[in-house]
Amino acid sequence: MSTATVVDLAGLPAVRCPCGWAQRAFTGVPGAPLSVHRVQIVDDARVHYHREQTETYVILECGADAALELDGVRVAVKPGMAVLIPPGVRHRALTPMTILNIVVPSFNPADEWFD
């Protein structure tokens, strides 16, 4: 990468993902070391994991009862919290929320795994 890339997350199309609806930035930028996703997580989020990618969830909006499931453990979250999810950790949101997901290396749909 030799120039800066600016993306308006709100202007990106939303695509269905295991968690809900994701707007993915920088996935097509050659050499980008990461991607950034704004994700609207819905009630039917599926447990999944990644073998190569590390995700960082930054909680933007959620209800008072918001929680994630990390390797089978319920973890309460609130806006302003960040959660580092290394490769191999089975995870999902248990309640609707909006997050910023920072994915390293950049998102690859082939690295989404389900038991």
PDB file of N, CA and C in Angstrom:
ATOM      1  N   MET A   1       0.848  -1.185   0.000  1.00  0.00           N
ATOM      2  CA  MET A   1       0.000   0.000   0.000  1.00  0.00           C
ATOM      3  C   MET A   1       0.885   1.236   0.000  1.00  0.00           C
ATOM      4  N   SER A   2       0.635   2.126  -0.939  1.00  0.00           N
ATOM      5  CA  SER A   2       1.446   3.328  -0.988  1.00  0.00           C
ATOM      6  C   SER A   2       0.625   4.599  -0.827  1.00  0.00           C
ATOM      7  N   THR A   3      -0.697   4.475  -0.767  1.00  0.00           N
ATOM      8  CA  THR A   3      -1.555   5.640  -0.562  1.00  0.00           C
ATOM      9  C   THR A   3      -2.615   5.312   0.474  1.00  0.00           C
ATOM     10  N   ALA A   4      -3.151   6.352   1.067  1.00  0.00           N
ATOM     11  CA  ALA A   4      -4.211   6.181   2.053  1.00  0.00           C
ATOM     12  C   ALA A   4      -5.513   5.794   1.356  1.00  0.00           C
ATOM     13  N   THR A   5      -6.344   5.037   2.049  1.00  0.00           N
ATOM     14  CA  THR A   5      -7.663   4.655   1.553  1.00  0.00           C
ATOM     15  C   THR A   5      -8.695   5.136   2.555  1.00  0.00           C
ATOM     16  N   VAL A   6      -9.684   5.854   2.095  1.00  0.00           N
ATOM     17  CA  VAL A   6     -10.742   6.375   2.957  1.00  0.00           C
ATOM     18  C   VAL A   6     -12.055   5.706   2.563  1.00  0.00           C
ATOM     19  N   VAL A   7     -12.775   5.204   3.554  1.00  0.00           N
ATOM     20  CA  VAL A   7     -14.035   4.507   3.304  1.00  0.00           C
ATOM     21  C   VAL A   7     -15.107   5.046   4.235  1.00  0.00           C
ATOM     22  N   ASP A   8     -16.294   5.277   3.694  1.00  0.00           N
ATOM     23  CA  ASP A   8     -17.462   5.638   4.490  1.00  0.00           C
ATOM     24  C   ASP A   8     -18.203   4.337   4.790  1.00  0.00           C
ATOM     25  N   LEU A   9     -18.041   3.809   6.004  1.00  0.00           N
ATOM     26  CA  LEU A   9     -18.664   2.528   6.354  1.00  0.00           C
ATOM     27  C   LEU A   9     -20.165   2.550   6.116  1.00  0.00           C
ATOM     28  N   ALA A  10     -20.815   3.665   6.426  1.00  0.00           N
ATOM     29  CA  ALA A  10     -22.272   3.749   6.274  1.00  0.00           C
ATOM     30  C   ALA A  10     -22.695   3.632   4.807  1.00  0.00           C
ATOM     31  N   GLY A  11     -21.799   3.941   3.885  1.00  0.00           N
ATOM     32  CA  GLY A  11     -22.129   3.865   2.470  1.00  0.00           C
ATOM     33  C   GLY A  11     -21.864   2.521   1.825  1.00  0.00           C
ATOM     34  N   LEU A  12     -21.278   1.593   2.560  1.00  0.00           N
ATOM     35  CA  LEU A  12     -20.977   0.271   2.008  1.00  0.00           C
ATOM     36  C   LEU A  12     -22.216  -0.619   2.025  1.00  0.00           C
ATOM     37  N   PRO A  13     -22.343  -1.525   1.045  1.00  0.00           N
ATOM     38  CA  PRO A  13     -23.476  -2.456   1.075  1.00  0.00           C
ATOM     39  C   PRO A  13     -23.318  -3.441   2.237  1.00  0.00           C
ATOM     40  N   ALA A  14     -24.419  -3.805   2.839  1.00  0.00           N
ATOM     41  CA  ALA A  14     -24.402  -4.800   3.913  1.00  0.00           C
ATOM     42  C   ALA A  14     -24.537  -6.190   3.301  1.00  0.00           C
ATOM     43  N   VAL A  15     -23.705  -7.115   3.772  1.00  0.00           N
ATOM     44  CA  VAL A  15     -23.765  -8.505   3.322  1.00  0.00           C
ATOM     45  C   VAL A  15     -24.070  -9.395   4.517  1.00  0.00           C
ATOM     46  N   ARG A  16     -24.791 -10.466   4.258  1.00  0.00           N
ATOM     47  CA  ARG A  16     -25.143 -11.409   5.324  1.00  0.00           C
ATOM     48  C   ARG A  16     -23.882 -12.132   5.778  1.00  0.00           C
ATOM     49  N   CYS A  17     -23.750 -12.309   7.075  1.00  0.00           N
ATOM     50  CA  CYS A  17     -22.624 -13.033   7.669  1.00  0.00           C
ATOM     51  C   CYS A  17     -23.170 -13.894   8.807  1.00  0.00           C
ATOM     52  N   PRO A  18     -22.350 -14.762   9.429  1.00  0.00           N
ATOM     53  CA  PRO A  18     -22.857 -15.620  10.507  1.00  0.00           C
ATOM     54  C   PRO A  18     -23.432 -14.850  11.691  1.00  0.00           C
ATOM     55  N   CYS A  19     -23.064 -13.576  11.808  1.00  0.00           N
ATOM     56  CA  CYS A  19     -23.527 -12.771  12.939  1.00  0.00           C
ATOM     57  C   CYS A  19     -24.745 -11.914  12.623  1.00  0.00           C
ATOM     58  N   GLY A  20     -24.928 -11.585  11.363  1.00  0.00           N
ATOM     59  CA  GLY A  20     -26.011 -10.684  10.978  1.00  0.00           C
ATOM     60  C   GLY A  20     -25.711 -10.033   9.654  1.00  0.00           C
ATOM     61  N   TRP A  21     -25.446  -8.710   9.689  1.00  0.00           N
ATOM     62  CA  TRP A  21     -25.200  -7.931   8.474  1.00  0.00           C
ATOM     63  C   TRP A  21     -23.928  -7.124   8.646  1.00  0.00           C
ATOM     64  N   ALA A  22     -22.979  -7.298   7.733  1.00  0.00           N
ATOM     65  CA  ALA A  22     -21.672  -6.647   7.834  1.00  0.00           C
ATOM     66  C   ALA A  22     -21.438  -5.700   6.669  1.00  0.00           C
ATOM     67  N   GLN A  23     -20.874  -4.551   6.976  1.00  0.00           N
ATOM     68  CA  GLN A  23     -20.375  -3.605   5.975  1.00  0.00           C
ATOM     69  C   GLN A  23     -18.854  -3.657   6.109  1.00  0.00           C
ATOM     70  N   ARG A  24     -18.182  -4.188   5.099  1.00  0.00           N
ATOM     71  CA  ARG A  24     -16.757  -4.526   5.196  1.00  0.00           C
ATOM     72  C   ARG A  24     -15.892  -3.545   4.419  1.00  0.00           C
ATOM     73  N   ALA A  25     -14.954  -2.930   5.105  1.00  0.00           N
ATOM     74  CA  ALA A  25     -14.029  -1.983   4.483  1.00  0.00           C
ATOM     75  C   ALA A  25     -12.645  -2.603   4.363  1.00  0.00           C
ATOM     76  N   PHE A  26     -11.963  -2.283   3.285  1.00  0.00           N
ATOM     77  CA  PHE A  26     -10.564  -2.624   3.008  1.00  0.00           C
ATOM     78  C   PHE A  26     -10.338  -4.073   2.601  1.00  0.00           C
ATOM     79  N   THR A  27     -11.388  -4.856   2.405  1.00  0.00           N
ATOM     80  CA  THR A  27     -11.190  -6.257   2.017  1.00  0.00           C
ATOM     81  C   THR A  27     -10.604  -6.388   0.625  1.00  0.00           C
ATOM     82  N   GLY A  28     -10.830  -5.412  -0.223  1.00  0.00           N
ATOM     83  CA  GLY A  28     -10.310  -5.480  -1.584  1.00  0.00           C
ATOM     84  C   GLY A  28      -9.086  -4.615  -1.824  1.00  0.00           C
ATOM     85  N   VAL A  29      -8.521  -4.061  -0.764  1.00  0.00           N
ATOM     86  CA  VAL A  29      -7.356  -3.193  -0.912  1.00  0.00           C
ATOM     87  C   VAL A  29      -6.095  -4.059  -0.894  1.00  0.00           C
ATOM     88  N   PRO A  30      -5.356  -4.116  -2.005  1.00  0.00           N
ATOM     89  CA  PRO A  30      -4.138  -4.945  -2.048  1.00  0.00           C
ATOM     90  C   PRO A  30      -3.146  -4.528  -0.960  1.00  0.00           C
ATOM     91  N   GLY A  31      -2.669  -5.507  -0.222  1.00  0.00           N
ATOM     92  CA  GLY A  31      -1.673  -5.259   0.813  1.00  0.00           C
ATOM     93  C   GLY A  31      -2.216  -4.756   2.134  1.00  0.00           C
ATOM     94  N   ALA A  32      -3.532  -4.571   2.236  1.00  0.00           N
ATOM     95  CA  ALA A  32      -4.097  -4.099   3.510  1.00  0.00           C
ATOM     96  C   ALA A  32      -3.867  -5.149   4.595  1.00  0.00           C
ATOM     97  N   PRO A  33      -3.319  -4.761   5.747  1.00  0.00           N
ATOM     98  CA  PRO A  33      -3.017  -5.735   6.793  1.00  0.00           C
ATOM     99  C   PRO A  33      -4.225  -6.141   7.631  1.00  0.00           C
ATOM    100  N   LEU A  34      -5.356  -5.454   7.407  1.00  0.00           N
ATOM    101  CA  LEU A  34      -6.559  -5.726   8.198  1.00  0.00           C
ATOM    102  C   LEU A  34      -7.773  -5.284   7.412  1.00  0.00           C
ATOM    103  N   SER A  35      -8.931  -5.635   7.928  1.00  0.00           N
ATOM    104  CA  SER A  35     -10.180  -5.078   7.411  1.00  0.00           C
ATOM    105  C   SER A  35     -11.002  -4.612   8.606  1.00  0.00           C
ATOM    106  N   VAL A  36     -11.916  -3.695   8.337  1.00  0.00           N
ATOM    107  CA  VAL A  36     -12.771  -3.120   9.376  1.00  0.00           C
ATOM    108  C   VAL A  36     -14.212  -3.309   8.939  1.00  0.00           C
ATOM    109  N   HIS A  37     -15.021  -3.851   9.837  1.00  0.00           N
ATOM    110  CA  HIS A  37     -16.414  -4.157   9.509  1.00  0.00           C
ATOM    111  C   HIS A  37     -17.328  -3.506  10.541  1.00  0.00           C
ATOM    112  N   ARG A  38     -18.372  -2.866  10.052  1.00  0.00           N
ATOM    113  CA  ARG A  38     -19.464  -2.441  10.939  1.00  0.00           C
ATOM    114  C   ARG A  38     -20.497  -3.540  10.841  1.00  0.00           C
ATOM    115  N   VAL A  39     -20.839  -4.155  11.964  1.00  0.00           N
ATOM    116  CA  VAL A  39     -21.722  -5.327  11.954  1.00  0.00           C
ATOM    117  C   VAL A  39     -22.958  -5.074  12.816  1.00  0.00           C
ATOM    118  N   GLN A  40     -24.124  -5.275  12.198  1.00  0.00           N
ATOM    119  CA  GLN A  40     -25.394  -5.293  12.914  1.00  0.00           C
ATOM    120  C   GLN A  40     -25.644  -6.755  13.273  1.00  0.00           C
ATOM    121  N   ILE A  41     -25.449  -7.089  14.515  1.00  0.00           N
ATOM    122  CA  ILE A  41     -25.632  -8.469  14.957  1.00  0.00           C
ATOM    123  C   ILE A  41     -27.101  -8.692  15.297  1.00  0.00           C
ATOM    124  N   VAL A  42     -27.623  -9.828  14.834  1.00  0.00           N
ATOM    125  CA  VAL A  42     -29.037 -10.151  14.993  1.00  0.00           C
ATOM    126  C   VAL A  42     -29.207 -11.344  15.939  1.00  0.00           C
ATOM    127  N   ASP A  43     -30.471 -11.666  16.226  1.00  0.00           N
ATOM    128  CA  ASP A  43     -30.792 -12.729  17.189  1.00  0.00           C
ATOM    129  C   ASP A  43     -30.275 -14.106  16.804  1.00  0.00           C
ATOM    130  N   ASP A  44     -30.108 -14.384  15.525  1.00  0.00           N
ATOM    131  CA  ASP A  44     -29.739 -15.738  15.105  1.00  0.00           C
ATOM    132  C   ASP A  44     -28.233 -15.884  14.804  1.00  0.00           C
ATOM    133  N   ALA A  45     -27.393 -15.102  15.471  1.00  0.00           N
ATOM    134  CA  ALA A  45     -25.948 -15.204  15.258  1.00  0.00           C
ATOM    135  C   ALA A  45     -25.480 -16.631  15.535  1.00  0.00           C
ATOM    136  N   ARG A  46     -24.627 -17.153  14.628  1.00  0.00           N
ATOM    137  CA  ARG A  46     -24.168 -18.551  14.719  1.00  0.00           C
ATOM    138  C   ARG A  46     -22.783 -18.636  15.351  1.00  0.00           C
ATOM    139  N   VAL A  47     -22.600 -19.661  16.163  1.00  0.00           N
ATOM    140  CA  VAL A  47     -21.274 -19.924  16.723  1.00  0.00           C
ATOM    141  C   VAL A  47     -20.342 -20.281  15.569  1.00  0.00           C
ATOM    142  N   HIS A  48     -19.180 -19.644  15.544  1.00  0.00           N
ATOM    143  CA  HIS A  48     -18.182 -19.916  14.514  1.00  0.00           C
ATOM    144  C   HIS A  48     -16.800 -19.591  15.065  1.00  0.00           C
ATOM    145  N   TYR A  49     -15.790 -19.900  14.275  1.00  0.00           N
ATOM    146  CA  TYR A  49     -14.423 -19.552  14.659  1.00  0.00           C
ATOM    147  C   TYR A  49     -13.603 -19.356  13.395  1.00  0.00           C
ATOM    148  N   HIS A  50     -12.393 -18.880  13.594  1.00  0.00           N
ATOM    149  CA  HIS A  50     -11.467 -18.644  12.490  1.00  0.00           C
ATOM    150  C   HIS A  50     -10.154 -19.347  12.830  1.00  0.00           C
ATOM    151  N   ARG A  51      -9.507 -19.898  11.837  1.00  0.00           N
ATOM    152  CA  ARG A  51      -8.227 -20.575  12.047  1.00  0.00           C
ATOM    153  C   ARG A  51      -7.043 -19.629  11.895  1.00  0.00           C
ATOM    154  N   GLU A  52      -7.220 -18.571  11.109  1.00  0.00           N
ATOM    155  CA  GLU A  52      -6.121 -17.641  10.819  1.00  0.00           C
ATOM    156  C   GLU A  52      -6.361 -16.230  11.344  1.00  0.00           C
ATOM    157  N   GLN A  53      -7.586 -15.802  11.354  1.00  0.00           N
ATOM    158  CA  GLN A  53      -7.908 -14.409  11.651  1.00  0.00           C
ATOM    159  C   GLN A  53      -8.124 -14.168  13.131  1.00  0.00           C
ATOM    160  N   THR A  54      -7.633 -13.019  13.593  1.00  0.00           N
ATOM    161  CA  THR A  54      -7.935 -12.506  14.921  1.00  0.00           C
ATOM    162  C   THR A  54      -8.956 -11.398  14.736  1.00  0.00           C
ATOM    163  N   GLU A  55      -9.988 -11.411  15.555  1.00  0.00           N
ATOM    164  CA  GLU A  55     -11.004 -10.363  15.491  1.00  0.00           C
ATOM    165  C   GLU A  55     -10.978  -9.549  16.776  1.00  0.00           C
ATOM    166  N   THR A  56     -11.201  -8.256  16.641  1.00  0.00           N
ATOM    167  CA  THR A  56     -11.410  -7.391  17.795  1.00  0.00           C
ATOM    168  C   THR A  56     -12.779  -6.763  17.636  1.00  0.00           C
ATOM    169  N   TYR A  57     -13.667  -7.078  18.561  1.00  0.00           N
ATOM    170  CA  TYR A  57     -15.000  -6.495  18.559  1.00  0.00           C
ATOM    171  C   TYR A  57     -14.968  -5.246  19.437  1.00  0.00           C
ATOM    172  N   VAL A  58     -15.352  -4.112  18.882  1.00  0.00           N
ATOM    173  CA  VAL A  58     -15.554  -2.891  19.655  1.00  0.00           C
ATOM    174  C   VAL A  58     -17.058  -2.683  19.711  1.00  0.00           C
ATOM    175  N   ILE A  59     -17.620  -2.736  20.904  1.00  0.00           N
ATOM    176  CA  ILE A  59     -19.065  -2.641  21.080  1.00  0.00           C
ATOM    177  C   ILE A  59     -19.476  -1.168  20.943  1.00  0.00           C
ATOM    178  N   LEU A  60     -20.336  -0.900  19.950  1.00  0.00           N
ATOM    179  CA  LEU A  60     -20.813   0.462  19.705  1.00  0.00           C
ATOM    180  C   LEU A  60     -22.170   0.703  20.353  1.00  0.00           C
ATOM    181  N   GLU A  61     -23.107  -0.224  20.132  1.00  0.00           N
ATOM    182  CA  GLU A  61     -24.474  -0.097  20.666  1.00  0.00           C
ATOM    183  C   GLU A  61     -24.974  -1.474  21.071  1.00  0.00           C
ATOM    184  N   CYS A  62     -25.709  -1.516  22.190  1.00  0.00           N
ATOM    185  CA  CYS A  62     -26.302  -2.785  22.633  1.00  0.00           C
ATOM    186  C   CYS A  62     -27.283  -2.509  23.756  1.00  0.00           C
ATOM    187  N   GLY A  63     -28.069  -3.521  24.082  1.00  0.00           N
ATOM    188  CA  GLY A  63     -29.002  -3.406  25.187  1.00  0.00           C
ATOM    189  C   GLY A  63     -28.319  -3.676  26.522  1.00  0.00           C
ATOM    190  N   ALA A  64     -29.056  -3.459  27.594  1.00  0.00           N
ATOM    191  CA  ALA A  64     -28.511  -3.643  28.946  1.00  0.00           C
ATOM    192  C   ALA A  64     -28.128  -5.089  29.231  1.00  0.00           C
ATOM    193  N   ASP A  65     -28.749  -6.042  28.535  1.00  0.00           N
ATOM    194  CA  ASP A  65     -28.485  -7.464  28.762  1.00  0.00           C
ATOM    195  C   ASP A  65     -27.486  -8.039  27.753  1.00  0.00           C
ATOM    196  N   ALA A  66     -26.762  -7.209  27.037  1.00  0.00           N
ATOM    197  CA  ALA A  66     -25.893  -7.654  25.948  1.00  0.00           C
ATOM    198  C   ALA A  66     -24.802  -8.602  26.438  1.00  0.00           C
ATOM    199  N   ALA A  67     -24.544  -9.620  25.596  1.00  0.00           N
ATOM    200  CA  ALA A  67     -23.515 -10.594  25.962  1.00  0.00           C
ATOM    201  C   ALA A  67     -22.981 -11.285  24.716  1.00  0.00           C
ATOM    202  N   LEU A  68     -21.739 -11.723  24.826  1.00  0.00           N
ATOM    203  CA  LEU A  68     -21.098 -12.581  23.842  1.00  0.00           C
ATOM    204  C   LEU A  68     -20.933 -13.957  24.446  1.00  0.00           C
ATOM    205  N   GLU A  69     -20.815 -14.962  23.599  1.00  0.00           N
ATOM    206  CA  GLU A  69     -20.434 -16.308  24.024  1.00  0.00           C
ATOM    207  C   GLU A  69     -19.037 -16.552  23.459  1.00  0.00           C
ATOM    208  N   LEU A  70     -18.081 -16.814  24.354  1.00  0.00           N
ATOM    209  CA  LEU A  70     -16.690 -17.047  23.969  1.00  0.00           C
ATOM    210  C   LEU A  70     -16.274 -18.409  24.502  1.00  0.00           C
ATOM    211  N   ASP A  71     -16.072 -19.371  23.604  1.00  0.00           N
ATOM    212  CA  ASP A  71     -15.776 -20.757  23.998  1.00  0.00           C
ATOM    213  C   ASP A  71     -16.760 -21.267  25.041  1.00  0.00           C
ATOM    214  N   GLY A  72     -18.049 -20.985  24.828  1.00  0.00           N
ATOM    215  CA  GLY A  72     -19.112 -21.498  25.688  1.00  0.00           C
ATOM    216  C   GLY A  72     -19.371 -20.687  26.942  1.00  0.00           C
ATOM    217  N   VAL A  73     -18.620 -19.619  27.173  1.00  0.00           N
ATOM    218  CA  VAL A  73     -18.786 -18.801  28.375  1.00  0.00           C
ATOM    219  C   VAL A  73     -19.506 -17.504  28.006  1.00  0.00           C
ATOM    220  N   ARG A  74     -20.537 -17.180  28.755  1.00  0.00           N
ATOM    221  CA  ARG A  74     -21.279 -15.927  28.543  1.00  0.00           C
ATOM    222  C   ARG A  74     -20.488 -14.770  29.155  1.00  0.00           C
ATOM    223  N   VAL A  75     -20.261 -13.733  28.356  1.00  0.00           N
ATOM    224  CA  VAL A  75     -19.511 -12.562  28.803  1.00  0.00           C
ATOM    225  C   VAL A  75     -20.367 -11.322  28.555  1.00  0.00           C
ATOM    226  N   ALA A  76     -20.717 -10.623  29.621  1.00  0.00           N
ATOM    227  CA  ALA A  76     -21.512  -9.408  29.498  1.00  0.00           C
ATOM    228  C   ALA A  76     -20.665  -8.312  28.849  1.00  0.00           C
ATOM    229  N   VAL A  77     -21.296  -7.532  27.964  1.00  0.00           N
ATOM    230  CA  VAL A  77     -20.608  -6.423  27.307  1.00  0.00           C
ATOM    231  C   VAL A  77     -21.488  -5.187  27.344  1.00  0.00           C
ATOM    232  N   LYS A  78     -20.842  -4.034  27.128  1.00  0.00           N
ATOM    233  CA  LYS A  78     -21.561  -2.763  27.063  1.00  0.00           C
ATOM    234  C   LYS A  78     -20.822  -1.852  26.091  1.00  0.00           C
ATOM    235  N   PRO A  79     -21.468  -0.797  25.620  1.00  0.00           N
ATOM    236  CA  PRO A  79     -20.808   0.112  24.687  1.00  0.00           C
ATOM    237  C   PRO A  79     -19.478   0.631  25.251  1.00  0.00           C
ATOM    238  N   GLY A  80     -18.492   0.694  24.378  1.00  0.00           N
ATOM    239  CA  GLY A  80     -17.167   1.160  24.771  1.00  0.00           C
ATOM    240  C   GLY A  80     -16.200   0.039  25.115  1.00  0.00           C
ATOM    241  N   MET A  81     -16.700  -1.183  25.246  1.00  0.00           N
ATOM    242  CA  MET A  81     -15.816  -2.314  25.522  1.00  0.00           C
ATOM    243  C   MET A  81     -15.225  -2.851  24.232  1.00  0.00           C
ATOM    244  N   ALA A  82     -14.037  -3.462  24.341  1.00  0.00           N
ATOM    245  CA  ALA A  82     -13.392  -4.132  23.211  1.00  0.00           C
ATOM    246  C   ALA A  82     -13.044  -5.544  23.637  1.00  0.00           C
ATOM    247  N   VAL A  83     -13.212  -6.496  22.720  1.00  0.00           N
ATOM    248  CA  VAL A  83     -12.972  -7.911  23.009  1.00  0.00           C
ATOM    249  C   VAL A  83     -12.056  -8.469  21.925  1.00  0.00           C
ATOM    250  N   LEU A  84     -10.889  -8.981  22.313  1.00  0.00           N
ATOM    251  CA  LEU A  84      -9.941  -9.597  21.389  1.00  0.00           C
ATOM    252  C   LEU A  84     -10.262 -11.085  21.284  1.00  0.00           C
ATOM    253  N   ILE A  85     -10.525 -11.561  20.069  1.00  0.00           N
ATOM    254  CA  ILE A  85     -10.919 -12.954  19.844  1.00  0.00           C
ATOM    255  C   ILE A  85      -9.857 -13.616  18.966  1.00  0.00           C
ATOM    256  N   PRO A  86      -8.945 -14.396  19.573  1.00  0.00           N
ATOM    257  CA  PRO A  86      -7.881 -15.037  18.799  1.00  0.00           C
ATOM    258  C   PRO A  86      -8.405 -16.186  17.938  1.00  0.00           C
ATOM    259  N   PRO A  87      -7.607 -16.630  16.970  1.00  0.00           N
ATOM    260  CA  PRO A  87      -7.986 -17.796  16.174  1.00  0.00           C
ATOM    261  C   PRO A  87      -8.319 -18.985  17.076  1.00  0.00           C
ATOM    262  N   GLY A  88      -9.338 -19.743  16.666  1.00  0.00           N
ATOM    263  CA  GLY A  88      -9.720 -20.948  17.402  1.00  0.00           C
ATOM    264  C   GLY A  88     -10.788 -20.741  18.455  1.00  0.00           C
ATOM    265  N   VAL A  89     -11.053 -19.508  18.875  1.00  0.00           N
ATOM    266  CA  VAL A  89     -12.075 -19.251  19.891  1.00  0.00           C
ATOM    267  C   VAL A  89     -13.450 -19.262  19.227  1.00  0.00           C
ATOM    268  N   ARG A  90     -14.295 -20.190  19.665  1.00  0.00           N
ATOM    269  CA  ARG A  90     -15.667 -20.244  19.157  1.00  0.00           C
ATOM    270  C   ARG A  90     -16.418 -19.070  19.774  1.00  0.00           C
ATOM    271  N   HIS A  91     -17.140 -18.329  18.920  1.00  0.00           N
ATOM    272  CA  HIS A  91     -17.768 -17.116  19.425  1.00  0.00           C
ATOM    273  C   HIS A  91     -19.045 -16.777  18.669  1.00  0.00           C
ATOM    274  N   ARG A  92     -19.867 -15.975  19.338  1.00  0.00           N
ATOM    275  CA  ARG A  92     -21.067 -15.387  18.760  1.00  0.00           C
ATOM    276  C   ARG A  92     -21.615 -14.381  19.756  1.00  0.00           C
ATOM    277  N   ALA A  93     -22.429 -13.477  19.254  1.00  0.00           N
ATOM    278  CA  ALA A  93     -23.171 -12.567  20.120  1.00  0.00           C
ATOM    279  C   ALA A  93     -24.468 -13.269  20.515  1.00  0.00           C
ATOM    280  N   LEU A  94     -24.858 -13.105  21.764  1.00  0.00           N
ATOM    281  CA  LEU A  94     -26.092 -13.724  22.256  1.00  0.00           C
ATOM    282  C   LEU A  94     -27.287 -12.791  22.155  1.00  0.00           C
ATOM    283  N   THR A  95     -27.014 -11.514  21.925  1.00  0.00           N
ATOM    284  CA  THR A  95     -28.069 -10.498  21.850  1.00  0.00           C
ATOM    285  C   THR A  95     -27.763  -9.564  20.680  1.00  0.00           C
ATOM    286  N   PRO A  96     -28.777  -8.890  20.165  1.00  0.00           N
ATOM    287  CA  PRO A  96     -28.513  -7.924  19.094  1.00  0.00           C
ATOM    288  C   PRO A  96     -27.588  -6.806  19.584  1.00  0.00           C
ATOM    289  N   MET A  97     -26.706  -6.352  18.701  1.00  0.00           N
ATOM    290  CA  MET A  97     -25.801  -5.246  19.015  1.00  0.00           C
ATOM    291  C   MET A  97     -25.169  -4.752  17.730  1.00  0.00           C
ATOM    292  N   THR A  98     -24.541  -3.608  17.808  1.00  0.00           N
ATOM    293  CA  THR A  98     -23.767  -3.070  16.700  1.00  0.00           C
ATOM    294  C   THR A  98     -22.315  -3.011  17.162  1.00  0.00           C
ATOM    295  N   ILE A  99     -21.428  -3.574  16.325  1.00  0.00           N
ATOM    296  CA  ILE A  99     -20.015  -3.592  16.671  1.00  0.00           C
ATOM    297  C   ILE A  99     -19.178  -3.069  15.511  1.00  0.00           C
ATOM    298  N   LEU A 100     -17.973  -2.680  15.836  1.00  0.00           N
ATOM    299  CA  LEU A 100     -16.927  -2.462  14.858  1.00  0.00           C
ATOM    300  C   LEU A 100     -16.005  -3.660  15.014  1.00  0.00           C
ATOM    301  N   ASN A 101     -15.791  -4.400  13.942  1.00  0.00           N
ATOM    302  CA  ASN A 101     -14.970  -5.612  13.982  1.00  0.00           C
ATOM    303  C   ASN A 101     -13.690  -5.346  13.198  1.00  0.00           C
ATOM    304  N   ILE A 102     -12.561  -5.430  13.870  1.00  0.00           N
ATOM    305  CA  ILE A 102     -11.258  -5.236  13.232  1.00  0.00           C
ATOM    306  C   ILE A 102     -10.661  -6.625  13.047  1.00  0.00           C
ATOM    307  N   VAL A 103     -10.413  -6.994  11.788  1.00  0.00           N
ATOM    308  CA  VAL A 103      -9.997  -8.355  11.447  1.00  0.00           C
ATOM    309  C   VAL A 103      -8.561  -8.335  10.926  1.00  0.00           C
ATOM    310  N   VAL A 104      -7.691  -9.148  11.568  1.00  0.00           N
ATOM    311  CA  VAL A 104      -6.272  -9.254  11.190  1.00  0.00           C
ATOM    312  C   VAL A 104      -5.925 -10.724  11.000  1.00  0.00           C
ATOM    313  N   PRO A 105      -5.349 -11.138   9.865  1.00  0.00           N
ATOM    314  CA  PRO A 105      -5.198 -10.360   8.639  1.00  0.00           C
ATOM    315  C   PRO A 105      -6.561 -10.055   8.040  1.00  0.00           C
ATOM    316  N   SER A 106      -6.570  -9.310   6.955  1.00  0.00           N
ATOM    317  CA  SER A 106      -7.809  -8.883   6.328  1.00  0.00           C
ATOM    318  C   SER A 106      -8.762 -10.059   6.114  1.00  0.00           C
ATOM    319  N   PHE A 107     -10.052  -9.797   6.255  1.00  0.00           N
ATOM    320  CA  PHE A 107     -11.092 -10.824   6.194  1.00  0.00           C
ATOM    321  C   PHE A 107     -10.981 -11.714   4.962  1.00  0.00           C
ATOM    322  N   ASN A 108     -11.138 -12.996   5.207  1.00  0.00           N
ATOM    323  CA  ASN A 108     -11.177 -14.011   4.151  1.00  0.00           C
ATOM    324  C   ASN A 108     -12.363 -14.905   4.444  1.00  0.00           C
ATOM    325  N   PRO A 109     -13.396 -14.928   3.599  1.00  0.00           N
ATOM    326  CA  PRO A 109     -14.575 -15.755   3.890  1.00  0.00           C
ATOM    327  C   PRO A 109     -14.285 -17.240   3.996  1.00  0.00           C
ATOM    328  N   ALA A 110     -13.167 -17.699   3.456  1.00  0.00           N
ATOM    329  CA  ALA A 110     -12.806 -19.105   3.559  1.00  0.00           C
ATOM    330  C   ALA A 110     -12.320 -19.468   4.967  1.00  0.00           C
ATOM    331  N   ASP A 111     -12.130 -18.464   5.823  1.00  0.00           N
ATOM    332  CA  ASP A 111     -11.676 -18.718   7.196  1.00  0.00           C
ATOM    333  C   ASP A 111     -12.817 -18.575   8.210  1.00  0.00           C
ATOM    334  N   GLU A 112     -14.026 -18.928   7.816  1.00  0.00           N
ATOM    335  CA  GLU A 112     -15.156 -19.018   8.734  1.00  0.00           C
ATOM    336  C   GLU A 112     -15.502 -20.486   8.888  1.00  0.00           C
ATOM    337  N   TRP A 113     -15.452 -20.980  10.111  1.00  0.00           N
ATOM    338  CA  TRP A 113     -15.625 -22.406  10.381  1.00  0.00           C
ATOM    339  C   TRP A 113     -16.737 -22.626  11.382  1.00  0.00           C
ATOM    340  N   PHE A 114     -17.468 -23.705  11.198  1.00  0.00           N
ATOM    341  CA  PHE A 114     -18.607 -24.071  12.054  1.00  0.00           C
ATOM    342  C   PHE A 114     -18.433 -25.522  12.489  1.00  0.00           C
ATOM    343  N   ASP A 115     -18.779 -25.793  13.740  1.00  0.00           N
ATOM    344  CA  ASP A 115     -18.708 -27.181  14.243  1.00  0.00           C
ATOM    345  C   ASP A 115     -19.932 -27.969  13.808  1.00  0.00           C
TER     346      ASP A 115
END
